[in-house]
């Protein structure tokens, strides 16, 4: 049973949202636990949104591009904030 439970996480999908503070947009994304934030950036580019020189935030903490969805402790329904880097 434990092996089955461990194998099911591969098929798990989370429906999250990315709030673009500069454009006042809220975009839905479907991600897997093993997706990195770089993968999320690629999905945004596919939707026509540039994430160049912007940082993802979740629960008031900045997230790094190499982090996975699981490492960042994102859950189904989470909202990420994408903010331009201060200059």
PDB file of N, CA and C in Angstrom:
ATOM      1  N   UNK A   1       0.820  -1.198   0.000  1.00  0.00           N
ATOM      2  CA  UNK A   1       0.000   0.000   0.000  1.00  0.00           C
ATOM      3  C   UNK A   1       0.862   1.260   0.000  1.00  0.00           C
ATOM      4  N   UNK A   2       1.958   1.208   0.749  1.00  0.00           N
ATOM      5  CA  UNK A   2       2.864   2.370   0.820  1.00  0.00           C
ATOM      6  C   UNK A   2       3.469   2.669  -0.549  1.00  0.00           C
ATOM      7  N   UNK A   3       3.826   1.617  -1.286  1.00  0.00           N
ATOM      8  CA  UNK A   3       4.381   1.816  -2.630  1.00  0.00           C
ATOM      9  C   UNK A   3       3.379   2.462  -3.559  1.00  0.00           C
ATOM     10  N   UNK A   4       2.126   2.087  -3.447  1.00  0.00           N
ATOM     11  CA  UNK A   4       1.082   2.696  -4.261  1.00  0.00           C
ATOM     12  C   UNK A   4       0.910   4.165  -3.913  1.00  0.00           C
ATOM     13  N   UNK A   5       0.917   4.468  -2.627  1.00  0.00           N
ATOM     14  CA  UNK A   5       0.767   5.850  -2.182  1.00  0.00           C
ATOM     15  C   UNK A   5       1.933   6.705  -2.672  1.00  0.00           C
ATOM     16  N   UNK A   6       3.150   6.133  -2.607  1.00  0.00           N
ATOM     17  CA  UNK A   6       4.328   6.854  -3.084  1.00  0.00           C
ATOM     18  C   UNK A   6       4.267   7.082  -4.591  1.00  0.00           C
ATOM     19  N   UNK A   7       3.717   6.131  -5.328  1.00  0.00           N
ATOM     20  CA  UNK A   7       3.640   6.249  -6.776  1.00  0.00           C
ATOM     21  C   UNK A   7       2.581   7.229  -7.253  1.00  0.00           C
ATOM     22  N   UNK A   8       1.573   7.485  -6.439  1.00  0.00           N
ATOM     23  CA  UNK A   8       0.487   8.371  -6.857  1.00  0.00           C
ATOM     24  C   UNK A   8       0.882   9.843  -6.907  1.00  0.00           C
ATOM     25  N   UNK A   9       1.918  10.251  -6.171  1.00  0.00           N
ATOM     26  CA  UNK A   9       2.291  11.668  -6.179  1.00  0.00           C
ATOM     27  C   UNK A   9       2.743  12.122  -7.554  1.00  0.00           C
ATOM     28  N   UNK A  10       3.185  11.177  -8.398  1.00  0.00           N
ATOM     29  CA  UNK A  10       3.594  11.554  -9.765  1.00  0.00           C
ATOM     30  C   UNK A  10       2.430  12.104 -10.567  1.00  0.00           C
ATOM     31  N   UNK A  11       1.235  11.655 -10.242  1.00  0.00           N
ATOM     32  CA  UNK A  11       0.056  12.065 -11.002  1.00  0.00           C
ATOM     33  C   UNK A  11      -0.667  13.238 -10.360  1.00  0.00           C
ATOM     34  N   UNK A  12      -0.219  13.645  -9.203  1.00  0.00           N
ATOM     35  CA  UNK A  12      -0.875  14.735  -8.488  1.00  0.00           C
ATOM     36  C   UNK A  12      -0.677  16.055  -9.237  1.00  0.00           C
ATOM     37  N   UNK A  13      -1.703  16.853  -9.281  1.00  0.00           N
ATOM     38  CA  UNK A  13      -1.651  18.174  -9.913  1.00  0.00           C
ATOM     39  C   UNK A  13      -2.211  19.205  -8.931  1.00  0.00           C
ATOM     40  N   UNK A  14      -1.575  20.361  -8.912  1.00  0.00           N
ATOM     41  CA  UNK A  14      -2.067  21.469  -8.102  1.00  0.00           C
ATOM     42  C   UNK A  14      -2.522  22.580  -9.034  1.00  0.00           C
ATOM     43  N   UNK A  15      -3.639  23.181  -8.690  1.00  0.00           N
ATOM     44  CA  UNK A  15      -4.135  24.337  -9.419  1.00  0.00           C
ATOM     45  C   UNK A  15      -3.814  25.557  -8.567  1.00  0.00           C
ATOM     46  N   UNK A  16      -2.833  26.321  -9.028  1.00  0.00           N
ATOM     47  CA  UNK A  16      -2.400  27.504  -8.282  1.00  0.00           C
ATOM     48  C   UNK A  16      -2.667  28.737  -9.134  1.00  0.00           C
ATOM     49  N   UNK A  17      -2.447  29.890  -8.539  1.00  0.00           N
ATOM     50  CA  UNK A  17      -2.600  31.154  -9.261  1.00  0.00           C
ATOM     51  C   UNK A  17      -1.365  31.999  -9.043  1.00  0.00           C
ATOM     52  N   UNK A  18      -1.027  32.790 -10.063  1.00  0.00           N
ATOM     53  CA  UNK A  18       0.093  33.722  -9.971  1.00  0.00           C
ATOM     54  C   UNK A  18      -0.482  35.125 -10.091  1.00  0.00           C
ATOM     55  N   UNK A  19      -0.262  35.931  -9.065  1.00  0.00           N
ATOM     56  CA  UNK A  19      -0.721  37.314  -9.076  1.00  0.00           C
ATOM     57  C   UNK A  19       0.414  38.198  -9.575  1.00  0.00           C
ATOM     58  N   UNK A  20       0.197  38.851 -10.700  1.00  0.00           N
ATOM     59  CA  UNK A  20       1.177  39.777 -11.270  1.00  0.00           C
ATOM     60  C   UNK A  20       0.851  41.162 -10.735  1.00  0.00           C
ATOM     61  N   UNK A  21       1.628  41.615  -9.786  1.00  0.00           N
ATOM     62  CA  UNK A  21       1.331  42.872  -9.099  1.00  0.00           C
ATOM     63  C   UNK A  21       1.385  44.069 -10.041  1.00  0.00           C
ATOM     64  N   UNK A  22       2.350  44.090 -10.964  1.00  0.00           N
ATOM     65  CA  UNK A  22       2.510  45.242 -11.851  1.00  0.00           C
ATOM     66  C   UNK A  22       1.358  45.394 -12.842  1.00  0.00           C
ATOM     67  N   UNK A  23       0.810  44.276 -13.320  1.00  0.00           N
ATOM     68  CA  UNK A  23      -0.272  44.320 -14.299  1.00  0.00           C
ATOM     69  C   UNK A  23      -1.646  44.094 -13.688  1.00  0.00           C
ATOM     70  N   UNK A  24      -1.708  43.819 -12.394  1.00  0.00           N
ATOM     71  CA  UNK A  24      -2.965  43.533 -11.696  1.00  0.00           C
ATOM     72  C   UNK A  24      -3.706  42.373 -12.356  1.00  0.00           C
ATOM     73  N   UNK A  25      -2.974  41.285 -12.648  1.00  0.00           N
ATOM     74  CA  UNK A  25      -3.550  40.085 -13.243  1.00  0.00           C
ATOM     75  C   UNK A  25      -3.434  38.910 -12.282  1.00  0.00           C
ATOM     76  N   UNK A  26      -4.347  37.976 -12.394  1.00  0.00           N
ATOM     77  CA  UNK A  26      -4.310  36.740 -11.632  1.00  0.00           C
ATOM     78  C   UNK A  26      -4.429  35.600 -12.633  1.00  0.00           C
ATOM     79  N   UNK A  27      -3.319  34.883 -12.860  1.00  0.00           N
ATOM     80  CA  UNK A  27      -3.282  33.833 -13.872  1.00  0.00           C
ATOM     81  C   UNK A  27      -3.302  32.447 -13.235  1.00  0.00           C
ATOM     82  N   UNK A  28      -4.176  31.550 -13.715  1.00  0.00           N
ATOM     83  CA  UNK A  28      -4.194  30.185 -13.192  1.00  0.00           C
ATOM     84  C   UNK A  28      -3.127  29.327 -13.869  1.00  0.00           C
ATOM     85  N   UNK A  29      -2.503  28.445 -13.093  1.00  0.00           N
ATOM     86  CA  UNK A  29      -1.526  27.490 -13.613  1.00  0.00           C
ATOM     87  C   UNK A  29      -1.805  26.124 -12.996  1.00  0.00           C
ATOM     88  N   UNK A  30      -1.506  25.078 -13.746  1.00  0.00           N
ATOM     89  CA  UNK A  30      -1.574  23.717 -13.231  1.00  0.00           C
ATOM     90  C   UNK A  30      -0.150  23.194 -13.151  1.00  0.00           C
ATOM     91  N   UNK A  31       0.260  22.771 -11.958  1.00  0.00           N
ATOM     92  CA  UNK A  31       1.647  22.350 -11.737  1.00  0.00           C
ATOM     93  C   UNK A  31       1.671  20.992 -11.046  1.00  0.00           C
ATOM     94  N   UNK A  32       2.839  20.354 -11.103  1.00  0.00           N
ATOM     95  CA  UNK A  32       3.078  19.086 -10.410  1.00  0.00           C
ATOM     96  C   UNK A  32       4.048  19.344  -9.250  1.00  0.00           C
ATOM     97  N   UNK A  33       4.072  18.484  -8.260  1.00  0.00           N
ATOM     98  CA  UNK A  33       4.972  18.694  -7.119  1.00  0.00           C
ATOM     99  C   UNK A  33       6.449  18.773  -7.499  1.00  0.00           C
ATOM    100  N   UNK A  34       6.860  18.098  -8.567  1.00  0.00           N
ATOM    101  CA  UNK A  34       8.274  18.113  -8.969  1.00  0.00           C
ATOM    102  C   UNK A  34       8.642  19.289  -9.877  1.00  0.00           C
ATOM    103  N   UNK A  35       7.680  20.078 -10.317  1.00  0.00           N
ATOM    104  CA  UNK A  35       7.974  21.246 -11.152  1.00  0.00           C
ATOM    105  C   UNK A  35       8.773  22.263 -10.346  1.00  0.00           C
ATOM    106  N   UNK A  36       9.750  22.884 -11.005  1.00  0.00           N
ATOM    107  CA  UNK A  36      10.514  23.949 -10.357  1.00  0.00           C
ATOM    108  C   UNK A  36       9.875  25.289 -10.687  1.00  0.00           C
ATOM    109  N   UNK A  37      10.322  26.315 -10.008  1.00  0.00           N
ATOM    110  CA  UNK A  37       9.806  27.644 -10.311  1.00  0.00           C
ATOM    111  C   UNK A  37      10.251  28.094 -11.703  1.00  0.00           C
ATOM    112  N   UNK A  38      11.348  27.561 -12.198  1.00  0.00           N
ATOM    113  CA  UNK A  38      11.742  27.827 -13.582  1.00  0.00           C
ATOM    114  C   UNK A  38      10.703  27.261 -14.543  1.00  0.00           C
ATOM    115  N   UNK A  39      10.134  26.107 -14.217  1.00  0.00           N
ATOM    116  CA  UNK A  39       9.064  25.530 -15.030  1.00  0.00           C
ATOM    117  C   UNK A  39       7.832  26.431 -15.014  1.00  0.00           C
ATOM    118  N   UNK A  40       7.536  27.017 -13.859  1.00  0.00           N
ATOM    119  CA  UNK A  40       6.413  27.947 -13.776  1.00  0.00           C
ATOM    120  C   UNK A  40       6.665  29.175 -14.644  1.00  0.00           C
ATOM    121  N   UNK A  41       7.906  29.653 -14.634  1.00  0.00           N
ATOM    122  CA  UNK A  41       8.266  30.789 -15.503  1.00  0.00           C
ATOM    123  C   UNK A  41       8.039  30.441 -16.972  1.00  0.00           C
ATOM    124  N   UNK A  42       8.397  29.218 -17.353  1.00  0.00           N
ATOM    125  CA  UNK A  42       8.204  28.786 -18.744  1.00  0.00           C
ATOM    126  C   UNK A  42       6.714  28.746 -19.089  1.00  0.00           C
ATOM    127  N   UNK A  43       5.876  28.310 -18.158  1.00  0.00           N
ATOM    128  CA  UNK A  43       4.433  28.317 -18.401  1.00  0.00           C
ATOM    129  C   UNK A  43       3.915  29.742 -18.586  1.00  0.00           C
ATOM    130  N   UNK A  44       4.445  30.666 -17.792  1.00  0.00           N
ATOM    131  CA  UNK A  44       4.023  32.069 -17.926  1.00  0.00           C
ATOM    132  C   UNK A  44       4.434  32.642 -19.271  1.00  0.00           C
ATOM    133  N   UNK A  45       5.636  32.309 -19.729  1.00  0.00           N
ATOM    134  CA  UNK A  45       6.094  32.779 -21.043  1.00  0.00           C
ATOM    135  C   UNK A  45       5.186  32.221 -22.125  1.00  0.00           C
ATOM    136  N   UNK A  46       4.745  30.965 -21.956  1.00  0.00           N
ATOM    137  CA  UNK A  46       3.808  30.363 -22.902  1.00  0.00           C
ATOM    138  C   UNK A  46       2.474  31.097 -22.954  1.00  0.00           C
ATOM    139  N   UNK A  47       2.118  31.775 -21.864  1.00  0.00           N
ATOM    140  CA  UNK A  47       0.892  32.568 -21.821  1.00  0.00           C
ATOM    141  C   UNK A  47       1.139  34.023 -22.204  1.00  0.00           C
ATOM    142  N   UNK A  48       2.390  34.328 -22.607  1.00  0.00           N
ATOM    143  CA  UNK A  48       2.697  35.689 -23.053  1.00  0.00           C
ATOM    144  C   UNK A  48       3.094  36.644 -21.948  1.00  0.00           C
ATOM    145  N   UNK A  49       3.490  36.131 -20.803  1.00  0.00           N
ATOM    146  CA  UNK A  49       3.871  36.978 -19.664  1.00  0.00           C
ATOM    147  C   UNK A  49       5.363  36.809 -19.415  1.00  0.00           C
ATOM    148  N   UNK A  50       6.081  37.923 -19.419  1.00  0.00           N
ATOM    149  CA  UNK A  50       7.512  37.875 -19.137  1.00  0.00           C
ATOM    150  C   UNK A  50       7.738  37.913 -17.627  1.00  0.00           C
ATOM    151  N   UNK A  51       8.609  37.030 -17.147  1.00  0.00           N
ATOM    152  CA  UNK A  51       8.932  37.031 -15.717  1.00  0.00           C
ATOM    153  C   UNK A  51      10.383  37.439 -15.496  1.00  0.00           C
ATOM    154  N   UNK A  52      10.976  38.063 -16.512  1.00  0.00           N
ATOM    155  CA  UNK A  52      12.358  38.510 -16.431  1.00  0.00           C
ATOM    156  C   UNK A  52      12.517  39.560 -15.349  1.00  0.00           C
ATOM    157  N   UNK A  53      13.529  39.410 -14.510  1.00  0.00           N
ATOM    158  CA  UNK A  53      13.823  40.330 -13.407  1.00  0.00           C
ATOM    159  C   UNK A  53      12.648  40.483 -12.450  1.00  0.00           C
ATOM    160  N   UNK A  54      11.980  39.372 -12.172  1.00  0.00           N
ATOM    161  CA  UNK A  54      10.890  39.349 -11.202  1.00  0.00           C
ATOM    162  C   UNK A  54      11.114  38.196 -10.242  1.00  0.00           C
ATOM    163  N   UNK A  55      10.604  38.345  -9.045  1.00  0.00           N
ATOM    164  CA  UNK A  55      10.773  37.332  -8.006  1.00  0.00           C
ATOM    165  C   UNK A  55       9.411  36.806  -7.568  1.00  0.00           C
ATOM    166  N   UNK A  56       9.331  35.471  -7.385  1.00  0.00           N
ATOM    167  CA  UNK A  56       8.134  34.857  -6.830  1.00  0.00           C
ATOM    168  C   UNK A  56       8.177  34.959  -5.313  1.00  0.00           C
ATOM    169  N   UNK A  57       7.027  35.259  -4.719  1.00  0.00           N
ATOM    170  CA  UNK A  57       6.879  35.279  -3.263  1.00  0.00           C
ATOM    171  C   UNK A  57       5.708  34.393  -2.870  1.00  0.00           C
ATOM    172  N   UNK A  58       5.894  33.677  -1.765  1.00  0.00           N
ATOM    173  CA  UNK A  58       4.807  32.876  -1.204  1.00  0.00           C
ATOM    174  C   UNK A  58       4.879  33.017   0.315  1.00  0.00           C
ATOM    175  N   UNK A  59       3.784  33.424   0.912  1.00  0.00           N
ATOM    176  CA  UNK A  59       3.736  33.676   2.365  1.00  0.00           C
ATOM    177  C   UNK A  59       4.842  34.633   2.805  1.00  0.00           C
ATOM    178  N   UNK A  60       5.011  35.697   2.069  1.00  0.00           N
ATOM    179  CA  UNK A  60       5.955  36.783   2.371  1.00  0.00           C
ATOM    180  C   UNK A  60       7.417  36.348   2.340  1.00  0.00           C
ATOM    181  N   UNK A  61       7.737  35.235   1.680  1.00  0.00           N
ATOM    182  CA  UNK A  61       9.147  34.849   1.546  1.00  0.00           C
ATOM    183  C   UNK A  61       9.488  34.634   0.083  1.00  0.00           C
ATOM    184  N   UNK A  62      10.639  35.136  -0.324  1.00  0.00           N
ATOM    185  CA  UNK A  62      11.047  34.977  -1.727  1.00  0.00           C
ATOM    186  C   UNK A  62      11.385  33.520  -2.028  1.00  0.00           C
ATOM    187  N   UNK A  63      11.069  33.097  -3.243  1.00  0.00           N
ATOM    188  CA  UNK A  63      11.343  31.732  -3.676  1.00  0.00           C
ATOM    189  C   UNK A  63      12.430  31.752  -4.746  1.00  0.00           C
ATOM    190  N   UNK A  64      13.250  30.727  -4.754  1.00  0.00           N
ATOM    191  CA  UNK A  64      14.352  30.602  -5.722  1.00  0.00           C
ATOM    192  C   UNK A  64      13.922  29.743  -6.901  1.00  0.00           C
ATOM    193  N   UNK A  65      14.512  29.979  -8.056  1.00  0.00           N
ATOM    194  CA  UNK A  65      14.132  29.265  -9.274  1.00  0.00           C
ATOM    195  C   UNK A  65      14.381  27.769  -9.210  1.00  0.00           C
ATOM    196  N   UNK A  66      15.349  27.331  -8.428  1.00  0.00           N
ATOM    197  CA  UNK A  66      15.662  25.905  -8.367  1.00  0.00           C
ATOM    198  C   UNK A  66      14.729  25.134  -7.424  1.00  0.00           C
ATOM    199  N   UNK A  67      13.921  25.838  -6.632  1.00  0.00           N
ATOM    200  CA  UNK A  67      13.008  25.176  -5.703  1.00  0.00           C
ATOM    201  C   UNK A  67      11.878  24.484  -6.457  1.00  0.00           C
ATOM    202  N   UNK A  68      11.466  23.338  -5.952  1.00  0.00           N
ATOM    203  CA  UNK A  68      10.309  22.661  -6.527  1.00  0.00           C
ATOM    204  C   UNK A  68       9.047  23.145  -5.820  1.00  0.00           C
ATOM    205  N   UNK A  69       7.919  22.809  -6.413  1.00  0.00           N
ATOM    206  CA  UNK A  69       6.635  23.162  -5.810  1.00  0.00           C
ATOM    207  C   UNK A  69       6.531  22.535  -4.420  1.00  0.00           C
ATOM    208  N   UNK A  70       7.012  21.303  -4.294  1.00  0.00           N
ATOM    209  CA  UNK A  70       6.981  20.621  -2.996  1.00  0.00           C
ATOM    210  C   UNK A  70       7.903  21.309  -2.000  1.00  0.00           C
ATOM    211  N   UNK A  71       9.126  21.700  -2.431  1.00  0.00           N
ATOM    212  CA  UNK A  71      10.067  22.378  -1.535  1.00  0.00           C
ATOM    213  C   UNK A  71       9.500  23.704  -1.029  1.00  0.00           C
ATOM    214  N   UNK A  72       8.770  24.397  -1.896  1.00  0.00           N
ATOM    215  CA  UNK A  72       8.190  25.690  -1.519  1.00  0.00           C
ATOM    216  C   UNK A  72       6.920  25.523  -0.682  1.00  0.00           C
ATOM    217  N   UNK A  73       6.482  24.262  -0.509  1.00  0.00           N
ATOM    218  CA  UNK A  73       5.286  23.922   0.267  1.00  0.00           C
ATOM    219  C   UNK A  73       4.025  24.553  -0.304  1.00  0.00           C
ATOM    220  N   UNK A  74       3.948  24.590  -1.632  1.00  0.00           N
ATOM    221  CA  UNK A  74       2.732  25.071  -2.283  1.00  0.00           C
ATOM    222  C   UNK A  74       1.684  23.975  -2.224  1.00  0.00           C
ATOM    223  N   UNK A  75       0.436  24.377  -2.126  1.00  0.00           N
ATOM    224  CA  UNK A  75      -0.671  23.443  -2.078  1.00  0.00           C
ATOM    225  C   UNK A  75      -1.678  23.819  -3.139  1.00  0.00           C
ATOM    226  N   UNK A  76      -2.651  22.966  -3.323  1.00  0.00           N
ATOM    227  CA  UNK A  76      -3.717  23.254  -4.259  1.00  0.00           C
ATOM    228  C   UNK A  76      -4.438  24.529  -3.816  1.00  0.00           C
ATOM    229  N   UNK A  77      -4.560  25.496  -4.721  1.00  0.00           N
ATOM    230  CA  UNK A  77      -5.215  26.758  -4.398  1.00  0.00           C
ATOM    231  C   UNK A  77      -4.275  27.860  -3.930  1.00  0.00           C
ATOM    232  N   UNK A  78      -2.983  27.586  -3.858  1.00  0.00           N
ATOM    233  CA  UNK A  78      -2.016  28.601  -3.419  1.00  0.00           C
ATOM    234  C   UNK A  78      -1.948  29.751  -4.431  1.00  0.00           C
ATOM    235  N   UNK A  79      -1.603  30.924  -3.930  1.00  0.00           N
ATOM    236  CA  UNK A  79      -1.422  32.100  -4.784  1.00  0.00           C
ATOM    237  C   UNK A  79       0.003  32.605  -4.602  1.00  0.00           C
ATOM    238  N   UNK A  80       0.738  32.680  -5.718  1.00  0.00           N
ATOM    239  CA  UNK A  80       2.092  33.229  -5.713  1.00  0.00           C
ATOM    240  C   UNK A  80       2.028  34.680  -6.162  1.00  0.00           C
ATOM    241  N   UNK A  81       2.877  35.488  -5.598  1.00  0.00           N
ATOM    242  CA  UNK A  81       2.993  36.887  -5.997  1.00  0.00           C
ATOM    243  C   UNK A  81       4.254  37.026  -6.831  1.00  0.00           C
ATOM    244  N   UNK A  82       4.142  37.631  -8.005  1.00  0.00           N
ATOM    245  CA  UNK A  82       5.285  37.855  -8.874  1.00  0.00           C
ATOM    246  C   UNK A  82       5.527  39.361  -8.940  1.00  0.00           C
ATOM    247  N   UNK A  83       6.647  39.797  -8.350  1.00  0.00           N
ATOM    248  CA  UNK A  83       6.950  41.217  -8.199  1.00  0.00           C
ATOM    249  C   UNK A  83       8.245  41.553  -8.892  1.00  0.00           C
ATOM    250  N   UNK A  84       8.303  42.728  -9.503  1.00  0.00           N
ATOM    251  CA  UNK A  84       9.546  43.206 -10.126  1.00  0.00           C
ATOM    252  C   UNK A  84      10.610  43.400  -9.057  1.00  0.00           C
ATOM    253  N   UNK A  85      11.836  43.036  -9.410  1.00  0.00           N
ATOM    254  CA  UNK A  85      12.955  43.207  -8.481  1.00  0.00           C
ATOM    255  C   UNK A  85      13.216  44.695  -8.280  1.00  0.00           C
ATOM    256  N   UNK A  86      13.479  45.114  -7.029  1.00  0.00           N
ATOM    257  CA  UNK A  86      13.797  46.523  -6.791  1.00  0.00           C
ATOM    258  C   UNK A  86      15.146  46.869  -7.406  1.00  0.00           C
ATOM    259  N   UNK A  87      15.245  48.067  -7.874  1.00  0.00           N
ATOM    260  CA  UNK A  87      16.513  48.500  -8.513  1.00  0.00           C
ATOM    261  C   UNK A  87      17.274  49.421  -7.619  1.00  0.00           C
TER     262      UNK A  87
END
